Amino acid sequence: MVDPANAYRIAMIRSRVVDITTIRADENIDMLAKKYLGQQKYPFRRPDEQRVSSRSGSIGSTRRGSTSEAYRRHPAALTDRVR
């Protein structure tokens, strides 16, 4: 996520995938389609696709923010990081 008022201020969430399954994957995308698109079924489903769901586990967090090029070029931006 990037702060619209300051492109050097970002937040990241990182995790490891601990499980991948096809169980309830279609139901999950249909639930999201209903919530965000107002449609009962996901409208962009293709007959040849197989949908999967993943479950993630935490790998911890860091206070340094990003290792993006912007931070390497502008180290002073680190002083504005989210604490």
N, C-alpha and C. Protein backbone atom coordinates (compact mmCIF):
# COMPACT_ATOMS: atom_id res chain seq x y z
N MET A 1 0.84 -1.15 0.00
CA MET A 1 0.00 0.00 0.00
C MET A 1 0.89 1.23 0.00
N VAL A 2 0.49 2.22 -0.73
CA VAL A 2 1.24 3.46 -0.83
C VAL A 2 0.37 4.60 -0.34
N ASP A 3 0.96 5.47 0.47
CA ASP A 3 0.26 6.67 0.95
C ASP A 3 0.10 7.61 -0.24
N PRO A 4 -1.13 7.98 -0.63
CA PRO A 4 -1.32 8.85 -1.79
C PRO A 4 -0.67 10.23 -1.61
N ALA A 5 -0.47 10.66 -0.38
CA ALA A 5 0.14 11.97 -0.14
C ALA A 5 1.67 11.91 -0.14
N ASN A 6 2.24 10.70 -0.01
CA ASN A 6 3.69 10.57 0.05
C ASN A 6 4.07 9.20 -0.52
N ALA A 7 4.55 9.19 -1.75
CA ALA A 7 4.85 7.94 -2.43
C ALA A 7 5.97 7.15 -1.77
N TYR A 8 6.75 7.76 -0.90
CA TYR A 8 7.83 7.07 -0.20
C TYR A 8 7.36 6.41 1.09
N ARG A 9 6.12 6.61 1.46
CA ARG A 9 5.57 6.02 2.68
C ARG A 9 4.68 4.85 2.28
N ILE A 10 5.12 3.65 2.64
CA ILE A 10 4.40 2.45 2.22
C ILE A 10 4.23 1.49 3.38
N ALA A 11 3.33 0.55 3.21
CA ALA A 11 3.15 -0.54 4.16
C ALA A 11 3.10 -1.84 3.37
N MET A 12 3.72 -2.89 3.89
CA MET A 12 3.76 -4.18 3.23
C MET A 12 3.34 -5.28 4.19
N ILE A 13 2.69 -6.28 3.66
CA ILE A 13 2.38 -7.48 4.42
C ILE A 13 2.98 -8.65 3.65
N ARG A 14 3.80 -9.44 4.32
CA ARG A 14 4.41 -10.60 3.67
C ARG A 14 4.03 -11.85 4.44
N SER A 15 3.88 -12.94 3.72
CA SER A 15 3.58 -14.21 4.38
C SER A 15 4.05 -15.36 3.50
N ARG A 16 4.02 -16.54 4.06
CA ARG A 16 4.35 -17.77 3.32
C ARG A 16 3.06 -18.54 3.06
N VAL A 17 2.97 -19.12 1.89
CA VAL A 17 1.82 -19.98 1.57
C VAL A 17 2.05 -21.31 2.27
N VAL A 18 1.08 -21.72 3.07
CA VAL A 18 1.21 -22.98 3.81
C VAL A 18 0.28 -24.06 3.28
N ASP A 19 -0.70 -23.69 2.44
CA ASP A 19 -1.62 -24.68 1.90
C ASP A 19 -2.27 -24.15 0.64
N ILE A 20 -2.37 -24.98 -0.38
CA ILE A 20 -3.08 -24.65 -1.62
C ILE A 20 -4.10 -25.76 -1.86
N THR A 21 -5.35 -25.36 -2.14
CA THR A 21 -6.41 -26.35 -2.34
C THR A 21 -7.42 -25.84 -3.35
N THR A 22 -8.18 -26.77 -3.93
CA THR A 22 -9.29 -26.40 -4.82
C THR A 22 -10.62 -26.42 -4.07
N ILE A 23 -10.59 -26.94 -2.82
CA ILE A 23 -11.82 -27.05 -2.03
C ILE A 23 -12.38 -25.66 -1.73
N ARG A 24 -13.63 -25.45 -2.07
CA ARG A 24 -14.37 -24.19 -1.85
C ARG A 24 -13.80 -22.99 -2.61
N ALA A 25 -12.88 -23.20 -3.54
CA ALA A 25 -12.30 -22.09 -4.28
C ALA A 25 -13.35 -21.37 -5.13
N ASP A 26 -14.21 -22.13 -5.81
CA ASP A 26 -15.27 -21.51 -6.61
C ASP A 26 -16.27 -20.77 -5.73
N GLU A 27 -16.60 -21.34 -4.59
CA GLU A 27 -17.52 -20.67 -3.67
C GLU A 27 -16.93 -19.36 -3.15
N ASN A 28 -15.62 -19.36 -2.89
CA ASN A 28 -14.98 -18.14 -2.40
C ASN A 28 -15.02 -17.01 -3.43
N ILE A 29 -14.73 -17.32 -4.69
CA ILE A 29 -14.73 -16.27 -5.71
C ILE A 29 -16.16 -15.79 -5.97
N ASP A 30 -17.15 -16.69 -5.86
CA ASP A 30 -18.54 -16.28 -6.02
C ASP A 30 -18.97 -15.35 -4.88
N MET A 31 -18.50 -15.64 -3.66
CA MET A 31 -18.80 -14.79 -2.51
C MET A 31 -18.21 -13.38 -2.72
N LEU A 32 -16.98 -13.33 -3.23
CA LEU A 32 -16.34 -12.03 -3.48
C LEU A 32 -17.05 -11.28 -4.62
N ALA A 33 -17.50 -12.01 -5.64
CA ALA A 33 -18.23 -11.39 -6.75
C ALA A 33 -19.53 -10.78 -6.24
N LYS A 34 -20.19 -11.48 -5.35
CA LYS A 34 -21.44 -10.95 -4.80
C LYS A 34 -21.18 -9.68 -3.99
N LYS A 35 -20.13 -9.71 -3.18
CA LYS A 35 -19.82 -8.58 -2.32
C LYS A 35 -19.35 -7.36 -3.13
N TYR A 36 -18.43 -7.56 -4.07
CA TYR A 36 -17.80 -6.44 -4.75
C TYR A 36 -18.37 -6.11 -6.12
N LEU A 37 -19.01 -7.07 -6.77
CA LEU A 37 -19.56 -6.84 -8.10
C LEU A 37 -21.08 -6.86 -8.13
N GLY A 38 -21.70 -7.32 -7.02
CA GLY A 38 -23.15 -7.39 -6.97
C GLY A 38 -23.71 -8.50 -7.85
N GLN A 39 -22.91 -9.53 -8.13
CA GLN A 39 -23.35 -10.63 -8.98
C GLN A 39 -23.27 -11.94 -8.20
N GLN A 40 -24.22 -12.83 -8.45
CA GLN A 40 -24.28 -14.11 -7.72
C GLN A 40 -23.09 -15.01 -8.05
N LYS A 41 -22.67 -15.03 -9.30
CA LYS A 41 -21.55 -15.86 -9.75
C LYS A 41 -20.46 -14.96 -10.32
N TYR A 42 -19.21 -15.37 -10.16
CA TYR A 42 -18.08 -14.65 -10.74
C TYR A 42 -18.24 -14.61 -12.25
N PRO A 43 -18.37 -13.42 -12.86
CA PRO A 43 -18.73 -13.34 -14.27
C PRO A 43 -17.59 -13.60 -15.25
N PHE A 44 -16.36 -13.67 -14.79
CA PHE A 44 -15.22 -13.81 -15.71
C PHE A 44 -14.63 -15.22 -15.70
N ARG A 45 -15.35 -16.18 -15.16
CA ARG A 45 -14.89 -17.56 -15.10
C ARG A 45 -14.80 -18.13 -16.51
N ARG A 46 -13.73 -18.88 -16.77
CA ARG A 46 -13.56 -19.55 -18.06
C ARG A 46 -13.69 -21.05 -17.84
N PRO A 47 -14.22 -21.78 -18.81
CA PRO A 47 -14.41 -23.22 -18.65
C PRO A 47 -13.11 -23.99 -18.45
N ASP A 48 -12.00 -23.49 -18.98
CA ASP A 48 -10.73 -24.22 -18.92
C ASP A 48 -9.90 -23.90 -17.67
N GLU A 49 -10.39 -23.06 -16.77
CA GLU A 49 -9.59 -22.69 -15.61
C GLU A 49 -9.94 -23.53 -14.39
N GLN A 50 -8.96 -23.70 -13.54
CA GLN A 50 -9.18 -24.37 -12.26
C GLN A 50 -8.77 -23.39 -11.17
N ARG A 51 -9.71 -23.02 -10.35
CA ARG A 51 -9.47 -22.04 -9.29
C ARG A 51 -8.91 -22.73 -8.07
N VAL A 52 -7.96 -22.07 -7.40
CA VAL A 52 -7.38 -22.59 -6.16
C VAL A 52 -7.48 -21.53 -5.08
N SER A 53 -7.41 -21.97 -3.84
CA SER A 53 -7.36 -21.08 -2.68
C SER A 53 -6.07 -21.38 -1.94
N SER A 54 -5.49 -20.35 -1.36
CA SER A 54 -4.27 -20.56 -0.58
C SER A 54 -4.48 -20.06 0.84
N ARG A 55 -3.74 -20.66 1.75
CA ARG A 55 -3.76 -20.24 3.14
C ARG A 55 -2.34 -19.82 3.48
N SER A 56 -2.21 -18.69 4.15
CA SER A 56 -0.90 -18.14 4.44
C SER A 56 -0.60 -18.17 5.93
N GLY A 57 0.69 -18.21 6.24
CA GLY A 57 1.15 -18.13 7.61
C GLY A 57 2.08 -16.94 7.75
N SER A 58 2.13 -16.36 8.89
CA SER A 58 2.93 -15.17 9.12
C SER A 58 4.42 -15.50 9.10
N ILE A 59 5.21 -14.59 8.56
CA ILE A 59 6.67 -14.72 8.65
C ILE A 59 7.26 -13.58 9.44
N GLY A 60 6.41 -12.83 10.13
CA GLY A 60 6.90 -11.71 10.94
C GLY A 60 6.86 -10.41 10.18
N SER A 61 7.25 -9.37 10.84
CA SER A 61 7.25 -8.05 10.21
C SER A 61 8.57 -7.36 10.49
N THR A 62 8.85 -6.36 9.70
CA THR A 62 10.06 -5.57 9.89
C THR A 62 9.68 -4.11 10.00
N ARG A 63 10.55 -3.32 10.56
CA ARG A 63 10.28 -1.89 10.69
C ARG A 63 10.89 -1.10 9.55
N ARG A 64 11.67 -1.74 8.70
CA ARG A 64 12.39 -1.01 7.67
C ARG A 64 11.53 -0.64 6.47
N GLY A 65 10.37 -1.22 6.31
CA GLY A 65 9.53 -0.89 5.16
C GLY A 65 9.98 -1.66 3.94
N SER A 66 10.27 -0.97 2.87
CA SER A 66 10.54 -1.58 1.58
C SER A 66 12.01 -1.53 1.23
N THR A 67 12.43 -2.46 0.39
CA THR A 67 13.77 -2.40 -0.18
C THR A 67 13.67 -1.89 -1.61
N SER A 68 12.61 -1.16 -1.89
CA SER A 68 12.38 -0.68 -3.26
C SER A 68 13.43 0.33 -3.66
N GLU A 69 13.51 0.56 -4.94
CA GLU A 69 14.46 1.51 -5.49
C GLU A 69 14.28 2.90 -4.89
N ALA A 70 13.04 3.29 -4.64
CA ALA A 70 12.78 4.61 -4.06
C ALA A 70 13.46 4.77 -2.71
N TYR A 71 13.43 3.74 -1.88
CA TYR A 71 14.08 3.83 -0.56
C TYR A 71 15.59 3.83 -0.69
N ARG A 72 16.11 3.09 -1.64
CA ARG A 72 17.57 3.09 -1.81
C ARG A 72 18.05 4.44 -2.32
N ARG A 73 17.26 5.10 -3.17
CA ARG A 73 17.65 6.40 -3.69
C ARG A 73 17.40 7.52 -2.71
N HIS A 74 16.41 7.37 -1.82
CA HIS A 74 16.02 8.43 -0.89
C HIS A 74 15.94 7.89 0.53
N PRO A 75 17.09 7.60 1.17
CA PRO A 75 17.06 7.02 2.51
C PRO A 75 16.39 7.92 3.54
N ALA A 76 16.33 9.21 3.30
CA ALA A 76 15.66 10.10 4.25
C ALA A 76 14.17 9.79 4.35
N ALA A 77 13.61 9.16 3.34
CA ALA A 77 12.19 8.81 3.38
C ALA A 77 11.88 7.80 4.48
N LEU A 78 12.89 7.06 4.92
CA LEU A 78 12.67 6.09 6.00
C LEU A 78 12.23 6.75 7.29
N THR A 79 12.54 8.02 7.47
CA THR A 79 12.15 8.70 8.71
C THR A 79 10.65 8.90 8.77
N ASP A 80 9.93 8.79 7.63
CA ASP A 80 8.48 8.97 7.59
C ASP A 80 7.74 7.65 7.64
N ARG A 81 8.43 6.55 7.86
CA ARG A 81 7.78 5.25 7.80
C ARG A 81 6.73 5.10 8.90
N VAL A 82 5.79 4.22 8.66
CA VAL A 82 4.74 3.94 9.63
C VAL A 82 5.37 3.16 10.78
N ARG A 83 5.10 3.57 11.99
CA ARG A 83 5.68 2.88 13.16
C ARG A 83 4.68 1.96 13.77
